[in-house]
């Protein structure tokens, strides 16, 4: 069962779809390269940490809840986790910023 992937997709779907709303679209999508770099800069240290602790046996991933495909020691869902959470954080930051500016 791919419950980890399903949870990620459900968490990502709403913010991703709403990121095209005119209120926040410009803030998020005006410079896709900046968005990608932001997500990579945030994700890389966590990926390194994840691989390190997984290789030491301190951390593991249930095969019952992840896809069988692994990239290194990590399931593909774990590689997606940090960019997805980062995107959600950026989306929320921009939405809150928009409404704060609007009501200021």
N, C-alpha and C. Protein backbone atom coordinates (compact mmCIF):
# COMPACT_ATOMS: atom_id res chain seq x y z
N UNK A 1 0.85 -1.19 0.00
CA UNK A 1 0.00 0.00 0.00
C UNK A 1 0.88 1.24 0.00
N UNK A 2 0.51 2.21 -0.72
CA UNK A 2 1.29 3.45 -0.86
C UNK A 2 0.71 4.56 -0.01
N UNK A 3 0.43 4.28 1.26
CA UNK A 3 -0.24 5.28 2.10
C UNK A 3 0.62 6.53 2.32
N UNK A 4 1.94 6.38 2.36
CA UNK A 4 2.82 7.54 2.52
C UNK A 4 2.67 8.45 1.29
N UNK A 5 2.71 7.87 0.10
CA UNK A 5 2.56 8.65 -1.12
C UNK A 5 1.18 9.30 -1.20
N UNK A 6 0.16 8.58 -0.83
CA UNK A 6 -1.20 9.13 -0.86
C UNK A 6 -1.31 10.32 0.09
N UNK A 7 -0.75 10.19 1.29
CA UNK A 7 -0.78 11.30 2.25
C UNK A 7 -0.03 12.52 1.70
N UNK A 8 1.13 12.29 1.07
CA UNK A 8 1.88 13.40 0.48
C UNK A 8 1.08 14.09 -0.62
N UNK A 9 0.49 13.28 -1.49
CA UNK A 9 -0.28 13.85 -2.60
C UNK A 9 -1.49 14.63 -2.10
N UNK A 10 -2.16 14.13 -1.09
CA UNK A 10 -3.31 14.84 -0.53
C UNK A 10 -2.88 16.16 0.12
N UNK A 11 -1.76 16.13 0.83
CA UNK A 11 -1.27 17.36 1.47
C UNK A 11 -0.82 18.38 0.43
N UNK A 12 -0.27 17.91 -0.67
CA UNK A 12 0.27 18.78 -1.72
C UNK A 12 -0.81 19.33 -2.64
N UNK A 13 -1.84 18.54 -2.91
CA UNK A 13 -2.83 18.88 -3.93
C UNK A 13 -3.51 20.23 -3.68
N UNK A 14 -4.00 20.47 -2.49
CA UNK A 14 -4.70 21.72 -2.19
C UNK A 14 -3.82 22.94 -2.38
N UNK A 15 -2.67 23.02 -1.69
CA UNK A 15 -1.81 24.18 -1.88
C UNK A 15 -1.32 24.35 -3.33
N UNK A 16 -1.02 23.25 -4.00
CA UNK A 16 -0.56 23.36 -5.39
C UNK A 16 -1.65 23.96 -6.28
N UNK A 17 -2.85 23.42 -6.19
CA UNK A 17 -3.95 23.94 -7.01
C UNK A 17 -4.28 25.39 -6.67
N UNK A 18 -4.29 25.70 -5.39
CA UNK A 18 -4.61 27.07 -4.96
C UNK A 18 -3.47 28.05 -5.26
N UNK A 19 -2.27 27.54 -5.50
CA UNK A 19 -1.15 28.44 -5.80
C UNK A 19 -1.32 29.15 -7.14
N UNK A 20 -2.26 28.69 -7.96
CA UNK A 20 -2.54 29.34 -9.23
C UNK A 20 -3.63 30.41 -9.11
N UNK A 21 -4.18 30.57 -7.90
CA UNK A 21 -5.18 31.61 -7.68
C UNK A 21 -4.51 32.96 -7.86
N UNK A 22 -5.21 33.90 -8.42
CA UNK A 22 -4.63 35.19 -8.75
C UNK A 22 -4.02 35.92 -7.56
N UNK A 23 -4.49 35.65 -6.34
CA UNK A 23 -3.97 36.35 -5.16
C UNK A 23 -2.52 35.99 -4.86
N UNK A 24 -2.13 34.76 -5.12
CA UNK A 24 -0.78 34.32 -4.75
C UNK A 24 0.03 33.81 -5.93
N UNK A 25 -0.58 33.68 -7.08
CA UNK A 25 0.11 33.12 -8.26
C UNK A 25 1.41 33.85 -8.56
N UNK A 26 1.34 35.16 -8.59
CA UNK A 26 2.54 35.94 -8.94
C UNK A 26 3.66 35.73 -7.92
N UNK A 27 3.32 35.70 -6.65
CA UNK A 27 4.33 35.53 -5.61
C UNK A 27 5.02 34.17 -5.69
N UNK A 28 4.27 33.15 -6.04
CA UNK A 28 4.84 31.80 -6.05
C UNK A 28 5.46 31.44 -7.39
N UNK A 29 4.80 31.77 -8.48
CA UNK A 29 5.21 31.29 -9.80
C UNK A 29 5.92 32.32 -10.65
N UNK A 30 6.15 33.54 -10.14
CA UNK A 30 6.80 34.56 -10.97
C UNK A 30 8.23 34.19 -11.32
N UNK A 31 8.88 33.44 -10.46
CA UNK A 31 10.26 33.01 -10.73
C UNK A 31 10.41 31.54 -10.33
N UNK A 32 10.04 30.63 -11.23
CA UNK A 32 10.10 29.21 -10.89
C UNK A 32 11.49 28.74 -10.47
N UNK A 33 12.51 29.36 -11.05
CA UNK A 33 13.88 28.98 -10.68
C UNK A 33 14.16 29.27 -9.21
N UNK A 34 13.67 30.41 -8.74
CA UNK A 34 13.84 30.77 -7.33
C UNK A 34 13.11 29.78 -6.42
N UNK A 35 11.92 29.36 -6.85
CA UNK A 35 11.16 28.37 -6.08
C UNK A 35 11.92 27.05 -6.01
N UNK A 36 12.43 26.59 -7.14
CA UNK A 36 13.17 25.33 -7.18
C UNK A 36 14.43 25.41 -6.31
N UNK A 37 15.18 26.51 -6.42
CA UNK A 37 16.37 26.67 -5.60
C UNK A 37 16.02 26.71 -4.11
N UNK A 38 14.95 27.38 -3.77
CA UNK A 38 14.52 27.44 -2.37
C UNK A 38 14.22 26.04 -1.85
N UNK A 39 13.49 25.27 -2.64
CA UNK A 39 13.13 23.92 -2.21
C UNK A 39 14.36 23.02 -2.13
N UNK A 40 15.28 23.16 -3.07
CA UNK A 40 16.50 22.36 -3.03
C UNK A 40 17.39 22.72 -1.84
N UNK A 41 17.56 24.02 -1.60
CA UNK A 41 18.40 24.44 -0.47
C UNK A 41 17.84 23.96 0.86
N UNK A 42 16.54 23.88 0.94
CA UNK A 42 15.92 23.39 2.17
C UNK A 42 15.99 21.87 2.23
N UNK A 43 15.83 21.19 1.12
CA UNK A 43 15.72 19.73 1.11
C UNK A 43 17.05 19.00 1.25
N UNK A 44 18.10 19.51 0.61
CA UNK A 44 19.37 18.78 0.57
C UNK A 44 19.91 18.42 1.96
N UNK A 45 19.97 19.36 2.91
CA UNK A 45 20.48 18.97 4.24
C UNK A 45 19.64 17.87 4.89
N UNK A 46 18.33 17.92 4.69
CA UNK A 46 17.47 16.90 5.28
C UNK A 46 17.63 15.56 4.58
N UNK A 47 17.84 15.57 3.27
CA UNK A 47 18.10 14.32 2.56
C UNK A 47 19.40 13.69 3.05
N UNK A 48 20.44 14.51 3.22
CA UNK A 48 21.72 14.00 3.72
C UNK A 48 21.53 13.40 5.11
N UNK A 49 20.84 14.13 5.95
CA UNK A 49 20.58 13.64 7.31
C UNK A 49 19.77 12.34 7.27
N UNK A 50 18.73 12.29 6.44
CA UNK A 50 17.89 11.10 6.32
C UNK A 50 18.69 9.88 5.89
N UNK A 51 19.54 10.05 4.88
CA UNK A 51 20.37 8.93 4.41
C UNK A 51 21.31 8.48 5.52
N UNK A 52 21.91 9.44 6.21
CA UNK A 52 22.86 9.10 7.28
C UNK A 52 22.19 8.31 8.40
N UNK A 53 21.07 8.80 8.90
CA UNK A 53 20.44 8.10 10.03
C UNK A 53 19.80 6.79 9.60
N UNK A 54 19.35 6.71 8.35
CA UNK A 54 18.78 5.45 7.86
C UNK A 54 19.89 4.41 7.70
N UNK A 55 21.06 4.84 7.20
CA UNK A 55 22.17 3.90 7.02
C UNK A 55 22.68 3.38 8.36
N UNK A 56 22.54 4.16 9.41
CA UNK A 56 22.95 3.73 10.75
C UNK A 56 21.89 2.89 11.46
N UNK A 57 20.72 2.81 10.87
CA UNK A 57 19.66 2.03 11.48
C UNK A 57 18.84 2.77 12.51
N UNK A 58 19.07 4.08 12.64
CA UNK A 58 18.30 4.88 13.60
C UNK A 58 16.91 5.20 13.09
N UNK A 59 16.72 5.07 11.79
CA UNK A 59 15.48 5.49 11.15
C UNK A 59 15.16 4.45 10.10
N UNK A 60 13.89 4.18 9.93
CA UNK A 60 13.51 3.20 8.90
C UNK A 60 12.14 3.57 8.32
N UNK A 61 11.80 2.90 7.23
CA UNK A 61 10.55 3.17 6.55
C UNK A 61 9.82 1.86 6.34
N UNK A 62 8.57 1.84 6.70
CA UNK A 62 7.76 0.64 6.60
C UNK A 62 7.51 0.29 5.14
N UNK A 63 7.87 -0.92 4.77
CA UNK A 63 7.59 -1.38 3.41
C UNK A 63 6.10 -1.55 3.18
N UNK A 64 5.35 -1.69 4.26
CA UNK A 64 3.89 -1.83 4.13
C UNK A 64 3.22 -0.52 3.72
N UNK A 65 3.90 0.62 3.94
CA UNK A 65 3.29 1.92 3.69
C UNK A 65 4.00 2.73 2.61
N UNK A 66 5.04 2.16 2.00
CA UNK A 66 5.77 2.86 0.96
C UNK A 66 5.82 2.00 -0.30
N UNK A 67 6.13 2.64 -1.40
CA UNK A 67 6.32 1.91 -2.65
C UNK A 67 7.61 1.10 -2.56
N UNK A 68 7.72 0.02 -3.31
CA UNK A 68 8.93 -0.81 -3.21
C UNK A 68 10.17 -0.14 -3.81
N UNK A 69 9.98 0.88 -4.64
CA UNK A 69 11.12 1.56 -5.27
C UNK A 69 11.89 2.37 -4.24
N UNK A 70 13.21 2.18 -4.22
CA UNK A 70 14.09 2.93 -3.32
C UNK A 70 15.15 3.64 -4.15
N UNK A 71 15.46 4.84 -3.74
CA UNK A 71 16.57 5.58 -4.32
C UNK A 71 17.59 5.71 -3.20
N UNK A 72 18.67 4.97 -3.31
CA UNK A 72 19.58 4.84 -2.18
C UNK A 72 18.86 4.03 -1.12
N UNK A 73 18.89 4.48 0.10
CA UNK A 73 18.21 3.78 1.18
C UNK A 73 16.79 4.26 1.42
N UNK A 74 16.42 5.34 0.74
CA UNK A 74 15.15 5.99 1.04
C UNK A 74 14.08 5.66 0.01
N UNK A 75 12.85 5.50 0.47
CA UNK A 75 11.75 5.34 -0.49
C UNK A 75 11.54 6.66 -1.23
N UNK A 76 11.00 6.56 -2.41
CA UNK A 76 10.77 7.76 -3.23
C UNK A 76 9.90 8.78 -2.50
N UNK A 77 9.00 8.29 -1.66
CA UNK A 77 8.13 9.20 -0.90
C UNK A 77 8.94 10.10 0.03
N UNK A 78 10.01 9.55 0.60
CA UNK A 78 10.82 10.35 1.51
C UNK A 78 11.61 11.42 0.75
N UNK A 79 12.03 11.11 -0.46
CA UNK A 79 12.69 12.12 -1.30
C UNK A 79 11.72 13.25 -1.64
N UNK A 80 10.46 12.93 -1.77
CA UNK A 80 9.45 13.94 -2.10
C UNK A 80 8.99 14.72 -0.88
N UNK A 81 9.12 14.13 0.30
CA UNK A 81 8.57 14.73 1.52
C UNK A 81 9.06 16.16 1.74
N UNK A 82 10.37 16.40 1.69
CA UNK A 82 10.89 17.72 2.03
C UNK A 82 10.52 18.79 1.00
N UNK A 83 10.60 18.52 -0.31
CA UNK A 83 10.11 19.54 -1.25
C UNK A 83 8.61 19.80 -1.12
N UNK A 84 7.84 18.77 -0.84
CA UNK A 84 6.38 18.96 -0.67
C UNK A 84 6.10 19.84 0.54
N UNK A 85 6.72 19.53 1.66
CA UNK A 85 6.51 20.32 2.87
C UNK A 85 7.04 21.75 2.66
N UNK A 86 8.17 21.88 1.98
CA UNK A 86 8.70 23.20 1.67
C UNK A 86 7.76 24.01 0.81
N UNK A 87 7.17 23.38 -0.20
CA UNK A 87 6.22 24.09 -1.06
C UNK A 87 5.00 24.53 -0.26
N UNK A 88 4.50 23.66 0.59
CA UNK A 88 3.34 24.01 1.43
C UNK A 88 3.69 25.20 2.32
N UNK A 89 4.89 25.21 2.89
CA UNK A 89 5.31 26.31 3.76
C UNK A 89 5.40 27.62 2.97
N UNK A 90 5.97 27.59 1.78
CA UNK A 90 6.07 28.79 0.94
C UNK A 90 4.67 29.28 0.57
N UNK A 91 3.82 28.35 0.20
CA UNK A 91 2.44 28.71 -0.16
C UNK A 91 1.76 29.41 1.02
N UNK A 92 1.84 28.83 2.20
CA UNK A 92 1.19 29.42 3.38
C UNK A 92 1.79 30.79 3.70
N UNK A 93 3.10 30.91 3.58
CA UNK A 93 3.77 32.19 3.83
C UNK A 93 3.23 33.27 2.90
N UNK A 94 3.09 32.94 1.63
CA UNK A 94 2.60 33.91 0.65
C UNK A 94 1.13 34.25 0.87
N UNK A 95 0.32 33.27 1.23
CA UNK A 95 -1.10 33.52 1.48
C UNK A 95 -1.27 34.43 2.69
N UNK A 96 -0.57 34.11 3.78
CA UNK A 96 -0.66 34.94 4.98
C UNK A 96 -0.15 36.35 4.67
N UNK A 97 0.95 36.45 3.93
CA UNK A 97 1.49 37.76 3.56
C UNK A 97 0.52 38.57 2.72
N UNK A 98 -0.14 37.91 1.80
CA UNK A 98 -1.12 38.60 0.96
C UNK A 98 -2.25 39.18 1.81
N UNK A 99 -2.79 38.39 2.71
CA UNK A 99 -3.92 38.87 3.52
C UNK A 99 -3.48 39.90 4.56
N UNK A 100 -2.26 39.80 5.04
CA UNK A 100 -1.76 40.84 5.94
C UNK A 100 -1.61 42.18 5.22
N UNK A 101 -1.06 42.12 4.00
CA UNK A 101 -0.93 43.37 3.22
C UNK A 101 -2.29 43.93 2.85
N UNK A 102 -3.21 43.06 2.54
CA UNK A 102 -4.55 43.49 2.12
C UNK A 102 -5.31 44.17 3.26
N UNK A 103 -5.10 43.70 4.47
CA UNK A 103 -5.86 44.23 5.61
C UNK A 103 -5.04 45.23 6.44
N UNK A 104 -3.88 45.61 5.93
CA UNK A 104 -3.06 46.56 6.69
C UNK A 104 -3.50 47.98 6.43
